[in-house]
Each structure stands twice: as structure tokens, then as C-alpha cells.
């Protein structure tokens, strides 16, 4: 298959070095009919992964298959065969409510891996629509919602975009170079609240509602009072 049929020439070439460093015997042939190949007698040495590591890989892939990416099920089947075992289904992750209502999750995955700028309509909490051009960095799942983390070329800053508010996504052919500000140390939370001013408030909750306090709030946000009530500090 050609690199373009698989993913892209750039992505394939970027994968070659780490595969070679991992001890996978790759070799290349130039000219018509050439390409990148494995040595004919090569068999993956399963001993480089422990039994527990193999199970964790399969379980992670099984959970990831719920977001309906194109190739996850195929990889899951191949690795199950290589490891000589069936999937250990000890974890179920259900993304229903988003993943079955949107059809561009895989497009964003490709845009992130190939560093291609995306353009989309975005609706803020007031229902106002703007057109955004973004350098996509990561997909986040947080607080029961999916977000796109990226550098907004409209706002010239890192932002988080809630996926259900994104419409008419276009993955362009424009390639971007990763910025220093793309590091994981960034805090793009401002993207969610870019049109709002946050306030700190304190809630006093009756002792009878204790079961809800620890369902909703982190322990560090909660102070138990002498009368049995709870004082919760939130933004």
C-alpha cells in the first residue's frame, strides 16, 4: 500500500525511527516496487511485554473502540491474535450521547496527528456563532464532555472547545508547526469561560445531604462544620 493510502508519507516516515529503535527490523528499497518492509522471517517477540501489560493494552483498546475510530477494532483483533488471548473486558467506557451524534471524531484525530489546521463554526454559551481557525493539539474528555484543545488563530491563545458546540468542521491542507505554547503545562481552561467572569462562592449544605456532597465535590473543596453541615467552596 502507498503511504497516502495508509495515512500520510509524513506520518509514516516519523514512525520509522522509533520502530527501528525498538528493535523492529525494517529495511527500505528504492525505485518502482520498492518501499519499507519487515525482514521476511521476523516475528514479534511477545516477551518484551509482560502478561499484565498485554492485558492492559487489550483492555485499553477495547474501551477506546467505543469512540468508533476507524482502525481501533482492527488493531484490537490483530493484537489479540499476536498475544494469543481474548480481550479481558473488565472495564466498560460508554461515550453514548456524544460519539454517536457527531461524525468528525476521526477527522480531528487525523488533523492532530498530521498537524493540520481545522476550521469550524463555534457557538458560545449565549448561542452566538463565530468562525474559528485552530491548530488542534489534543482531544480531552472531562466532566462528561469532549473538548478540543488547540491554539486559536482567531484569539491568538490556547483554548478548549466543547465538541457539541462545534459545527461544519473542515480539516484543511494547511500544516502548522508545533508551538512552544503547545506544551502540556498550558492551562486552556480560559477557552471555556472566555466570555464569563468567574466568582468564588461558598455553599452551606445540611447534614442530611452529605451523600450528595461527596458525589459532586472534591474532598479539598469541603469543610465539615461542628453542627454536622458542610461548607463547600466553588467557582
Protein backbone atom coordinates (compact mmCIF):
# COMPACT_ATOMS: atom_id res chain seq x y z
CA UNK A 1 0.00 0.00 0.00
CA UNK A 2 1.13 3.58 -0.53
CA UNK A 3 1.80 5.86 2.42
CA UNK A 4 -1.14 8.03 1.36
CA UNK A 5 -3.50 5.03 1.44
CA UNK A 6 -2.36 4.21 4.99
CA UNK A 7 -2.22 7.72 6.49
CA UNK A 8 0.38 10.13 5.07
CA UNK A 9 4.02 9.98 3.95
CA UNK A 10 4.97 12.40 6.74
CA UNK A 11 3.37 10.24 9.44
CA UNK A 12 4.89 7.01 8.09
CA UNK A 13 8.39 8.48 7.97
CA UNK A 14 8.00 9.83 11.51
CA UNK A 15 7.13 6.32 12.74
CA UNK A 16 10.13 4.57 11.18
CA UNK A 17 12.83 5.71 13.66
CA UNK A 18 11.02 4.69 16.88
CA UNK A 19 10.16 1.31 15.33
CA UNK A 20 13.80 0.73 14.41
CA UNK A 21 14.95 1.83 17.89
CA UNK A 22 12.50 -0.69 19.37
CA UNK A 23 14.33 -3.48 17.52
CA UNK A 24 11.86 -3.97 14.66
CA UNK A 25 13.95 -4.99 11.59
CA UNK A 26 12.79 -2.59 8.87
CA UNK A 27 14.54 -2.10 5.54
CA UNK A 28 13.85 0.10 2.51
CA UNK A 29 14.10 -0.39 -1.24
CA UNK A 30 14.19 2.46 -3.72
CA UNK A 31 12.58 2.65 -7.12
CA UNK A 32 9.41 1.20 -8.63
CA UNK A 33 8.03 -1.59 -6.48
CA UNK A 34 10.24 -0.50 -3.58
CA UNK A 35 9.18 0.68 -0.15
CA UNK A 36 9.51 -0.11 3.52
CA UNK A 37 9.40 -3.75 4.59
CA UNK A 38 9.96 -6.09 7.52
CA UNK A 39 12.50 -8.89 7.22
CA UNK A 40 10.55 -11.91 5.91
CA UNK A 41 11.32 -14.15 8.90
CA UNK A 42 10.56 -11.54 11.57
CA UNK A 43 8.12 -12.49 14.35
CA UNK A 44 7.21 -10.07 17.14
CA UNK A 45 8.81 -11.14 20.38
CA UNK A 46 5.91 -11.21 22.83
CA UNK A 47 8.27 -11.49 25.77
CA UNK A 48 9.00 -7.74 25.64
CA UNK A 49 5.57 -7.28 27.27
CA UNK A 50 4.51 -8.94 30.48
CA UNK A 51 1.20 -10.78 30.80
CA UNK A 52 -0.26 -7.85 32.74
CA UNK A 53 0.96 -5.33 30.14
CA UNK A 54 -0.62 -7.34 27.33
CA UNK A 55 -3.95 -7.43 29.19
CA UNK A 56 -3.82 -3.69 29.88
CA UNK A 57 -3.15 -2.90 26.21
CA UNK A 58 -6.10 -5.03 25.09
CA UNK A 59 -8.40 -3.56 27.74
CA UNK A 60 -7.44 -0.01 26.77
CA UNK A 61 -8.10 -0.72 23.10
CA UNK A 62 -11.43 -2.33 23.95
CA UNK A 63 -12.52 0.81 25.82
CA UNK A 64 -11.22 3.06 23.03
CA UNK A 65 -13.29 1.12 20.49
CA UNK A 66 -16.41 2.78 21.93
CA UNK A 67 -15.50 6.09 20.29
CA UNK A 68 -15.78 4.44 16.86
CA UNK A 69 -12.39 5.30 15.38
CA UNK A 70 -11.81 3.58 12.04
CA UNK A 71 -8.94 1.29 12.94
CA UNK A 72 -9.24 0.51 16.67
CA UNK A 73 -11.20 -2.73 16.21
CA UNK A 74 -8.74 -3.93 13.58
CA UNK A 75 -5.77 -3.28 15.88
CA UNK A 76 -7.61 -4.97 18.75
CA UNK A 77 -8.17 -8.13 16.70
CA UNK A 78 -4.56 -8.22 15.49
CA UNK A 79 -3.04 -7.81 18.94
CA UNK A 80 -5.45 -10.35 20.44
CA UNK A 81 -4.13 -12.83 17.89
CA UNK A 82 -0.47 -11.86 18.44
CA UNK A 83 -0.82 -12.18 22.22
CA UNK A 84 -2.80 -15.40 21.83
CA UNK A 85 -5.68 -14.38 24.08
CA UNK A 86 -9.17 -12.95 24.07
CA UNK A 87 -9.92 -9.48 25.37
CA UNK A 88 -10.31 -9.15 29.12
CA UNK A 89 -13.39 -6.95 29.37
CA UNK A 90 -13.02 -5.65 32.93
CA UNK A 91 -13.68 -2.02 32.00
CA UNK A 92 -16.58 -0.53 30.05
CA UNK A 93 -16.37 3.07 28.84
CA UNK A 94 -19.58 4.35 27.24
CA UNK A 95 -19.39 7.63 25.35
CA UNK A 96 -23.02 7.49 24.18
CA UNK A 97 -24.61 10.90 23.98
CA UNK A 98 -21.71 12.37 22.04
CA UNK A 99 -19.82 9.84 19.97
CA UNK A 100 -22.92 8.58 18.16
CA UNK A 101 -24.19 12.08 17.37
CA UNK A 102 -21.07 13.53 15.74
CA UNK A 103 -19.18 12.22 12.76
CA UNK A 104 -15.89 14.14 12.93
CA UNK A 105 -14.07 12.49 15.84
CA UNK A 106 -11.84 10.58 13.42
CA UNK A 107 -11.26 13.74 11.35
CA UNK A 108 -9.95 15.54 14.43
CA UNK A 109 -7.71 12.59 15.29
CA UNK A 110 -6.15 12.77 11.81
CA UNK A 111 -5.82 16.56 11.99
CA UNK A 112 -3.99 16.30 15.32
CA UNK A 113 -1.60 13.54 14.18
CA UNK A 114 -0.81 15.28 10.87
CA UNK A 115 -0.70 18.81 12.39
CA UNK A 116 -3.30 20.24 10.03
CA UNK A 117 -5.28 23.41 10.79
CA UNK A 118 -9.03 22.98 11.28
CA UNK A 119 -11.81 25.48 10.67
CA UNK A 120 -15.25 25.27 12.26
CA UNK A 121 -18.27 27.26 13.42
CA UNK A 122 -18.40 27.58 17.20
CA UNK A 123 -21.39 28.51 19.36
CA UNK A 124 -20.69 30.05 22.76
CA UNK A 125 -22.92 29.73 25.83
CA UNK A 126 -25.04 32.65 24.59
CA UNK A 127 -25.72 30.93 21.26
CA UNK A 128 -23.53 33.36 19.27
CA UNK A 129 -21.68 31.82 16.34
CA UNK A 130 -18.09 32.61 15.35
CA UNK A 131 -15.76 31.02 12.82
CA UNK A 132 -12.56 29.65 14.37
CA UNK A 133 -9.25 28.60 12.81
CA UNK A 134 -7.41 26.32 15.23
CA UNK A 135 -4.17 24.36 15.45
CA UNK A 136 -5.51 21.16 17.10
CA UNK A 137 -3.41 19.62 19.87
CA UNK A 138 -5.47 17.11 21.86
CA UNK A 139 -8.92 15.72 22.43
CA UNK A 140 -9.96 15.90 26.09
CA UNK A 141 -12.73 14.06 27.89
CA UNK A 142 -13.57 15.91 31.08
CA UNK A 143 -16.68 16.34 33.24
CA UNK A 144 -18.80 14.15 30.95
CA UNK A 145 -17.95 16.19 27.84
CA UNK A 146 -15.47 16.08 24.96
CA UNK A 147 -13.26 19.09 24.27
CA UNK A 148 -10.74 20.05 21.60
CA UNK A 149 -7.58 21.65 22.96
CA UNK A 150 -5.90 23.86 20.40
CA UNK A 151 -4.21 27.16 19.62
CA UNK A 152 -6.87 29.53 18.34
CA UNK A 153 -5.57 31.64 15.44
CA UNK A 154 -8.56 33.95 15.94
CA UNK A 155 -7.87 34.66 19.64
CA UNK A 156 -4.08 34.05 19.41
CA UNK A 157 -4.20 31.92 22.56
CA UNK A 158 -4.67 28.35 23.78
CA UNK A 159 -8.35 27.36 24.06
CA UNK A 160 -10.68 24.48 24.89
CA UNK A 161 -13.67 23.99 22.62
CA UNK A 162 -16.64 21.87 23.64
CA UNK A 163 -17.22 19.45 20.76
CA UNK A 164 -21.04 19.55 20.75
CA UNK A 165 -20.78 23.30 20.09
CA UNK A 166 -18.59 22.77 17.02
CA UNK A 167 -20.31 22.60 13.64
CA UNK A 168 -19.23 22.38 9.97
CA UNK A 169 -15.72 21.11 10.69
CA UNK A 170 -13.18 21.37 7.85
CA UNK A 171 -9.72 19.77 8.05
CA UNK A 172 -7.58 21.96 5.83
CA UNK A 173 -4.37 21.12 3.96
CA UNK A 174 -2.52 23.82 5.92
CA UNK A 175 0.28 22.29 8.01
CA UNK A 176 1.25 24.04 11.24
CA UNK A 177 4.48 23.81 13.22
CA UNK A 178 4.02 22.91 16.86
CA UNK A 179 4.49 25.96 19.08
CA UNK A 180 6.27 26.09 22.42
CA UNK A 181 2.90 27.10 23.91
CA UNK A 182 1.52 23.69 22.90
CA UNK A 183 3.20 22.09 25.92
CA UNK A 184 1.09 20.15 28.41
CA UNK A 185 1.83 22.80 31.07
CA UNK A 186 -0.62 25.19 29.43
CA UNK A 187 -3.96 25.82 31.07
CA UNK A 188 -6.50 26.36 28.27
CA UNK A 189 -9.46 26.49 30.65
CA UNK A 190 -9.98 30.12 29.69
CA UNK A 191 -11.42 28.88 26.40
CA UNK A 192 -14.47 27.52 28.17
CA UNK A 193 -15.05 30.73 30.14
CA UNK A 194 -13.74 33.24 27.63
CA UNK A 195 -16.93 35.36 27.81
CA UNK A 196 -17.57 34.96 31.54
CA UNK A 197 -16.18 36.29 34.81
CA UNK A 198 -15.69 33.61 37.47
CA UNK A 199 -16.73 34.23 41.08
CA UNK A 200 -15.89 32.22 44.19
CA UNK A 201 -18.90 31.25 46.30
CA UNK A 202 -19.44 29.24 49.46
CA UNK A 203 -22.33 26.81 49.92
CA UNK A 204 -23.61 25.55 53.25
CA UNK A 205 -25.22 22.12 52.90
CA UNK A 206 -27.34 20.41 55.53
CA UNK A 207 -26.08 17.19 57.21
CA UNK A 208 -28.93 15.22 55.57
CA UNK A 209 -27.40 15.93 52.16
CA UNK A 210 -23.96 14.53 52.98
CA UNK A 211 -24.36 11.73 50.43
CA UNK A 212 -24.61 14.31 47.62
CA UNK A 213 -21.69 16.42 48.82
CA UNK A 214 -19.07 13.76 48.11
CA UNK A 215 -20.78 12.69 44.87
CA UNK A 216 -20.38 16.15 43.40
CA UNK A 217 -17.45 17.91 45.10
CA UNK A 218 -13.79 17.01 45.69
CA UNK A 219 -12.67 16.42 49.27
CA UNK A 220 -10.43 19.52 49.24
CA UNK A 221 -13.44 21.74 48.50
CA UNK A 222 -15.42 20.53 51.52
CA UNK A 223 -15.16 21.54 55.18
CA UNK A 224 -17.29 19.71 57.72
CA UNK A 225 -18.78 22.07 60.34
CA UNK A 226 -19.28 21.41 64.09
CA UNK A 227 -23.08 21.20 63.60
CA UNK A 228 -22.65 18.41 61.01
CA UNK A 229 -23.28 20.65 57.98
CA UNK A 230 -20.77 21.13 55.15
CA UNK A 231 -19.18 24.30 53.81
CA UNK A 232 -18.22 23.95 50.14
CA UNK A 233 -16.09 26.46 48.22
CA UNK A 234 -16.66 26.50 44.43
CA UNK A 235 -16.23 28.72 41.39
